[in-house]
Amino acid sequence: FGRFYKDSEMVVMTACGVRPEQLLKSVAILATIIALTVGYLALFFAPWAEDKSSELLDQAGARTEIEGITPGQFNQFDDDGPVVYVEDYDPDKKKLMDVFVQYRMQGQQMQLTARTAYESKDKKTGARYLVLLDGYRYEGNPGHPNYRIIKFKEHGIRIRNREVVASTRPRYAIPTTTLLASDSPGDVAELQWRLAMPLSTLLLGLLAVPLSKTSPRKGRFGGLFLGIMIYVVYNNLLTMARSSLSKGDIPGFVGTWWVHLLLVLLLVVIFKGQQRMRGPRRSVRAAA
């Protein structure tokens, strides 16, 4: 639109009968489509994505992966699980090198040493095992009759998975339907903040129409600075209203709506001001 005004094309369009209301209607249709898309993302997709992200992190924290074993240190899978010490780890083959494992089985202390080890998962049951290759298993206490040393080619140790504990979800991950049923000031503020995104998309899109009006001498970006200033003030007022609403300082029916109302009034004032045209001056000369 700024280029249209600069190249005097808007004058030609106006002479052909194109009214400013028609331009506003065209922008409103496009801005509505974009606002609906933004509204879907803000109200439904973004909270769902945040919740799924937190869920995946919870599951990853509960899983036992050999990538988490630090070479040169004693590592324990859980509170009463096996203690593992490795000299090195091959990330390409996902194998542990020079492994020492200590665990208890049926009240008896076990120690194992192996050249290599890897993690295996049973596809049917989902159970995880630490599989040791080419090593020795030491059972019992040294010096007692039941003490044994067993050489093995392959030995598996069951690794108990940790229970998945759901972490505390941030408010922006709460579903919109849950926010609608809540009267908590924080939830109301979050809901109105999500609704502000499509509303601001529509209103700021409409505001571009009157702000783009300029003369050829001023250039196509005559109203750009004013538009930036309006956006900065509008965004800061929204943030301030959201903070006050979440603290309970203002009621929910006021919330952030007054900020949108101010922008609507500003849009109407600018648009009506540009439509107000002065009529021709008439000069009356007294007859001599």
Protein backbone atom coordinates (compact mmCIF):
# COMPACT_ATOMS: atom_id res chain seq x y z
CA PHE A 1 0.00 0.00 0.00
CA GLY A 2 2.87 2.36 0.74
CA ARG A 3 4.26 1.75 -2.74
CA PHE A 4 0.80 2.37 -4.21
CA TYR A 5 0.69 5.78 -2.56
CA LYS A 6 4.28 6.63 -3.51
CA ASP A 7 3.76 5.77 -7.19
CA SER A 8 0.36 7.54 -7.25
CA GLU A 9 -1.32 4.23 -8.10
CA MET A 10 -3.69 4.66 -5.19
CA VAL A 11 -4.91 7.92 -6.74
CA VAL A 12 -5.72 6.06 -9.93
CA MET A 13 -7.46 3.29 -8.02
CA THR A 14 -9.53 5.84 -6.12
CA ALA A 15 -10.47 7.55 -9.39
CA CYS A 16 -11.62 4.16 -10.68
CA GLY A 17 -13.99 3.83 -7.75
CA VAL A 18 -11.90 1.79 -5.28
CA ARG A 19 -12.89 3.04 -1.84
CA PRO A 20 -10.73 2.79 1.31
CA GLU A 21 -13.42 0.58 2.86
CA GLN A 22 -12.80 -1.97 0.10
CA LEU A 23 -9.08 -2.02 0.89
CA LEU A 24 -9.88 -2.46 4.56
CA LYS A 25 -12.23 -5.33 3.73
CA SER A 26 -9.60 -7.09 1.62
CA VAL A 27 -7.01 -6.80 4.38
CA ALA A 28 -9.59 -7.94 6.94
CA ILE A 29 -10.22 -11.16 4.99
CA LEU A 30 -6.52 -11.97 4.75
CA ALA A 31 -5.84 -10.96 8.36
CA THR A 32 -8.76 -13.10 9.57
CA ILE A 33 -7.36 -16.19 7.84
CA ILE A 34 -3.95 -15.59 9.39
CA ALA A 35 -5.52 -14.80 12.79
CA LEU A 36 -7.45 -18.09 12.74
CA THR A 37 -4.22 -19.94 12.03
CA VAL A 38 -2.42 -18.08 14.83
CA GLY A 39 -5.38 -18.75 17.13
CA TYR A 40 -5.21 -22.48 16.49
CA LEU A 41 -1.48 -22.53 17.15
CA ALA A 42 -1.80 -20.45 20.33
CA LEU A 43 -4.90 -22.11 21.79
CA PHE A 44 -4.39 -25.75 20.89
CA PHE A 45 -1.16 -26.71 19.14
CA ALA A 46 1.37 -24.84 21.31
CA PRO A 47 0.02 -26.17 24.68
CA TRP A 48 -0.15 -29.70 23.22
CA ALA A 49 3.43 -29.44 21.94
CA GLU A 50 4.69 -28.15 25.29
CA ASP A 51 2.91 -30.95 27.15
CA LYS A 52 4.31 -33.60 24.80
CA SER A 53 7.77 -32.13 25.16
CA SER A 54 7.57 -32.36 28.96
CA GLU A 55 6.20 -35.91 28.70
CA LEU A 56 9.09 -37.02 26.48
CA LEU A 57 11.58 -35.48 28.90
CA ASP A 58 9.93 -37.36 31.79
CA GLN A 59 10.14 -40.63 29.89
CA ALA A 60 13.74 -40.00 28.89
CA GLY A 61 14.64 -39.31 32.51
CA ALA A 62 13.07 -42.61 33.58
CA ARG A 63 14.85 -44.70 30.96
CA THR A 64 18.22 -46.31 31.59
CA GLU A 65 20.65 -45.70 28.77
CA ILE A 66 24.30 -46.74 28.68
CA GLU A 67 25.07 -43.39 27.02
CA GLY A 68 24.60 -41.89 30.47
CA ILE A 69 27.40 -43.94 32.00
CA THR A 70 30.53 -41.88 32.68
CA PRO A 71 33.79 -43.74 32.05
CA GLY A 72 36.23 -43.76 34.96
CA GLN A 73 33.47 -43.37 37.58
CA PHE A 74 31.15 -45.68 39.50
CA ASN A 75 27.66 -45.41 38.06
CA GLN A 76 24.45 -46.75 39.62
CA PHE A 77 21.31 -47.23 37.54
CA ASP A 78 18.90 -46.74 40.45
CA ASP A 79 18.86 -46.77 44.27
CA ASP A 80 19.28 -50.53 44.63
CA GLY A 81 20.41 -51.39 41.11
CA PRO A 82 23.78 -52.60 39.88
CA VAL A 83 26.88 -50.43 40.25
CA VAL A 84 28.86 -50.23 37.02
CA TYR A 85 32.40 -49.07 36.40
CA VAL A 86 33.79 -48.82 32.86
CA GLU A 87 37.15 -47.77 31.48
CA ASP A 88 35.86 -46.46 28.16
CA TYR A 89 32.75 -46.11 26.01
CA ASP A 90 32.48 -46.49 22.22
CA PRO A 91 29.64 -44.19 21.06
CA ASP A 92 29.66 -45.57 17.49
CA LYS A 93 29.16 -49.20 18.52
CA LYS A 94 27.39 -48.23 21.76
CA LYS A 95 29.58 -50.57 23.76
CA LEU A 96 31.23 -50.32 27.16
CA MET A 97 34.86 -51.37 27.45
CA ASP A 98 36.52 -53.14 30.43
CA VAL A 99 33.45 -53.36 32.62
CA PHE A 100 33.09 -54.07 36.34
CA VAL A 101 29.62 -54.67 37.79
CA GLN A 102 28.52 -55.28 41.36
CA TYR A 103 24.96 -56.19 42.38
CA ARG A 104 22.99 -58.37 44.77
CA MET A 105 20.89 -61.33 43.73
CA GLN A 106 18.81 -63.29 46.28
CA GLY A 107 20.75 -61.71 49.13
CA GLN A 108 24.10 -62.75 47.67
CA GLN A 109 26.79 -60.33 46.54
CA MET A 110 27.87 -60.62 42.90
CA GLN A 111 30.83 -59.09 41.04
CA LEU A 112 31.36 -59.37 37.33
CA THR A 113 34.12 -58.30 34.99
CA ALA A 114 33.88 -58.29 31.22
CA ARG A 115 35.75 -57.02 28.21
CA THR A 116 32.73 -55.35 26.65
CA ALA A 117 29.05 -54.77 27.41
CA TYR A 118 26.02 -53.35 25.67
CA GLU A 119 22.38 -52.65 26.44
CA SER A 120 19.64 -54.85 25.03
CA LYS A 121 15.86 -54.57 25.09
CA ASP A 122 13.34 -57.38 24.90
CA LYS A 123 10.91 -56.45 22.12
CA LYS A 124 8.05 -58.45 23.66
CA THR A 125 8.28 -57.42 27.30
CA GLY A 126 10.20 -54.16 26.97
CA ALA A 127 12.62 -55.32 29.67
CA ARG A 128 16.15 -53.93 29.53
CA TYR A 129 19.33 -55.90 30.09
CA LEU A 130 22.99 -55.06 30.40
CA VAL A 131 24.69 -57.81 28.40
CA LEU A 132 28.34 -58.53 29.33
CA LEU A 133 30.67 -60.43 26.99
CA ASP A 134 33.79 -62.52 27.72
CA GLY A 135 34.12 -62.15 31.47
CA TYR A 136 34.01 -63.68 34.93
CA ARG A 137 31.37 -63.78 37.64
CA TYR A 138 32.42 -63.91 41.30
CA GLU A 139 29.80 -65.28 43.70
CA GLY A 140 29.84 -65.22 47.49
CA ASN A 141 32.53 -63.98 49.85
CA PRO A 142 36.20 -64.85 49.36
CA GLY A 143 37.42 -67.53 51.81
CA HIS A 144 34.01 -69.18 52.23
CA PRO A 145 33.18 -72.62 50.83
CA ASN A 146 30.42 -71.24 48.62
CA TYR A 147 32.73 -68.82 46.84
CA ARG A 148 32.82 -69.48 43.09
CA ILE A 149 34.44 -67.99 40.01
CA ILE A 150 32.51 -68.63 36.79
CA LYS A 151 33.77 -67.79 33.33
CA PHE A 152 31.09 -66.81 30.83
CA LYS A 153 30.79 -65.93 27.18
CA GLU A 154 27.65 -63.83 27.62
CA HIS A 155 25.87 -62.72 30.76
CA GLY A 156 22.76 -60.55 31.08
CA ILE A 157 21.71 -58.41 34.05
CA ARG A 158 18.16 -57.13 34.26
CA ILE A 159 18.00 -53.36 34.58
CA ARG A 160 14.87 -52.07 36.25
CA ASN A 161 13.37 -49.07 34.54
CA ARG A 162 12.57 -46.12 36.69
CA GLU A 163 8.95 -45.19 37.13
CA VAL A 164 7.85 -42.31 34.95
CA VAL A 165 6.98 -39.43 37.25
CA ALA A 166 5.13 -36.56 35.63
CA SER A 167 6.87 -33.27 36.21
CA THR A 168 5.03 -30.10 37.08
CA ARG A 169 3.72 -28.63 33.86
CA PRO A 170 4.19 -24.90 33.23
CA ARG A 171 1.03 -22.88 32.79
CA TYR A 172 1.62 -22.40 29.07
CA ALA A 173 1.42 -26.21 28.64
CA ILE A 174 -2.06 -26.43 30.22
CA PRO A 175 -4.80 -27.23 27.65
CA THR A 176 -7.09 -24.35 26.75
CA THR A 177 -10.17 -26.36 27.76
CA THR A 178 -8.74 -26.64 31.28
CA LEU A 179 -8.10 -22.90 31.40
CA LEU A 180 -11.69 -22.22 30.35
CA ALA A 181 -13.00 -24.19 33.33
CA SER A 182 -10.68 -22.47 35.80
CA ASP A 183 -11.28 -19.20 37.63
CA SER A 184 -7.71 -18.87 38.92
CA PRO A 185 -6.26 -15.43 38.10
CA GLY A 186 -3.15 -17.03 36.62
CA ASP A 187 -5.18 -19.34 34.38
CA VAL A 188 -7.46 -16.51 33.27
CA ALA A 189 -4.41 -14.39 32.43
CA GLU A 190 -2.90 -17.24 30.40
CA LEU A 191 -6.17 -17.78 28.51
CA GLN A 192 -6.54 -14.10 27.66
CA TRP A 193 -2.90 -13.96 26.58
CA ARG A 194 -3.52 -16.79 24.12
CA LEU A 195 -6.62 -15.04 22.81
CA ALA A 196 -4.63 -11.83 22.44
CA MET A 197 -2.42 -13.39 19.77
CA PRO A 198 -5.09 -13.83 17.06
CA LEU A 199 -6.79 -10.59 18.10
CA SER A 200 -3.58 -8.60 17.78
CA THR A 201 -2.90 -10.24 14.41
CA LEU A 202 -6.24 -9.00 13.10
CA LEU A 203 -6.12 -5.52 14.63
CA LEU A 204 -2.51 -4.78 13.67
CA GLY A 205 -3.22 -6.00 10.14
CA LEU A 206 -6.13 -3.59 9.83
CA LEU A 207 -4.05 -0.78 11.29
CA ALA A 208 -1.59 -1.13 8.42
CA VAL A 209 -4.19 0.22 5.97
CA PRO A 210 -4.57 3.76 7.34
CA LEU A 211 -0.91 3.96 8.42
CA SER A 212 0.25 3.24 4.88
CA LYS A 213 -1.41 6.37 3.52
CA THR A 214 1.27 8.84 2.55
CA SER A 215 2.21 11.33 -0.13
CA PRO A 216 4.70 10.60 -2.93
CA ARG A 217 7.14 13.09 -1.42
CA LYS A 218 7.26 11.30 1.96
CA GLY A 219 8.08 7.88 0.52
CA ARG A 220 6.49 4.49 1.01
CA PHE A 221 7.59 4.09 4.64
CA GLY A 222 6.11 7.30 5.99
CA GLY A 223 3.97 5.59 8.65
CA LEU A 224 6.45 2.85 9.55
CA PHE A 225 7.89 4.60 12.60
CA LEU A 226 4.41 5.38 13.93
CA GLY A 227 3.39 1.76 13.39
CA ILE A 228 6.42 0.51 15.32
CA MET A 229 5.66 2.88 18.19
CA ILE A 230 2.02 1.77 18.32
CA TYR A 231 3.10 -1.88 18.36
CA VAL A 232 5.63 -1.34 21.17
CA VAL A 233 3.11 0.52 23.34
CA TYR A 234 0.37 -2.02 22.56
CA ASN A 235 2.60 -4.99 23.41
CA ASN A 236 3.84 -3.40 26.64
CA LEU A 237 0.27 -2.63 27.73
CA LEU A 238 -0.72 -6.24 27.04
CA THR A 239 2.19 -7.53 29.12
CA MET A 240 1.34 -5.16 31.96
CA ALA A 241 -2.35 -6.11 31.87
CA ARG A 242 -1.47 -9.82 31.86
CA SER A 243 0.80 -9.38 34.89
CA SER A 244 -1.83 -7.42 36.81
CA LEU A 245 -4.50 -9.98 35.94
CA SER A 246 -2.36 -12.95 37.04
CA LYS A 247 -1.76 -11.23 40.39
CA GLY A 248 -5.48 -10.58 40.87
CA ASP A 249 -5.09 -6.80 40.82
CA ILE A 250 -7.75 -6.37 38.12
CA PRO A 251 -10.92 -8.44 37.53
CA GLY A 252 -11.13 -10.97 34.74
CA PHE A 253 -13.79 -9.12 32.75
CA VAL A 254 -11.37 -6.19 32.45
CA GLY A 255 -8.20 -8.26 31.96
CA THR A 256 -6.45 -7.48 28.70
CA TRP A 257 -9.62 -6.51 26.85
CA TRP A 258 -9.18 -2.79 27.54
CA VAL A 259 -5.87 -2.85 25.66
CA HIS A 260 -7.55 -4.29 22.55
CA LEU A 261 -10.34 -1.74 22.92
CA LEU A 262 -7.80 1.09 22.92
CA LEU A 263 -6.30 -0.22 19.68
CA VAL A 264 -9.76 -0.49 18.11
CA LEU A 265 -10.54 3.11 19.09
CA LEU A 266 -7.19 4.26 17.69
CA LEU A 267 -7.91 2.43 14.44
CA VAL A 268 -11.33 4.07 14.15
CA VAL A 269 -9.96 7.53 14.94
CA ILE A 270 -7.16 7.30 12.37
CA PHE A 271 -9.40 5.83 9.69
CA LYS A 272 -12.23 8.35 10.24
CA GLY A 273 -9.76 11.20 10.37
CA GLN A 274 -8.42 10.29 6.95
CA GLN A 275 -11.94 10.01 5.53
CA ARG A 276 -12.87 13.50 6.68
CA MET A 277 -12.30 15.72 3.67
CA ARG A 278 -12.69 19.45 3.51
CA GLY A 279 -15.05 20.93 0.97
CA PRO A 280 -14.02 23.67 -1.46
CA ARG A 281 -13.71 27.13 -0.06
CA ARG A 282 -16.07 29.67 -1.34
CA SER A 283 -15.05 33.26 -1.55
CA VAL A 284 -17.65 35.91 -1.77
CA ARG A 285 -16.50 39.21 -3.12
CA ALA A 286 -18.48 42.28 -2.45
CA ALA A 287 -19.56 44.14 -5.54
CA ALA A 288 -17.77 47.36 -5.98
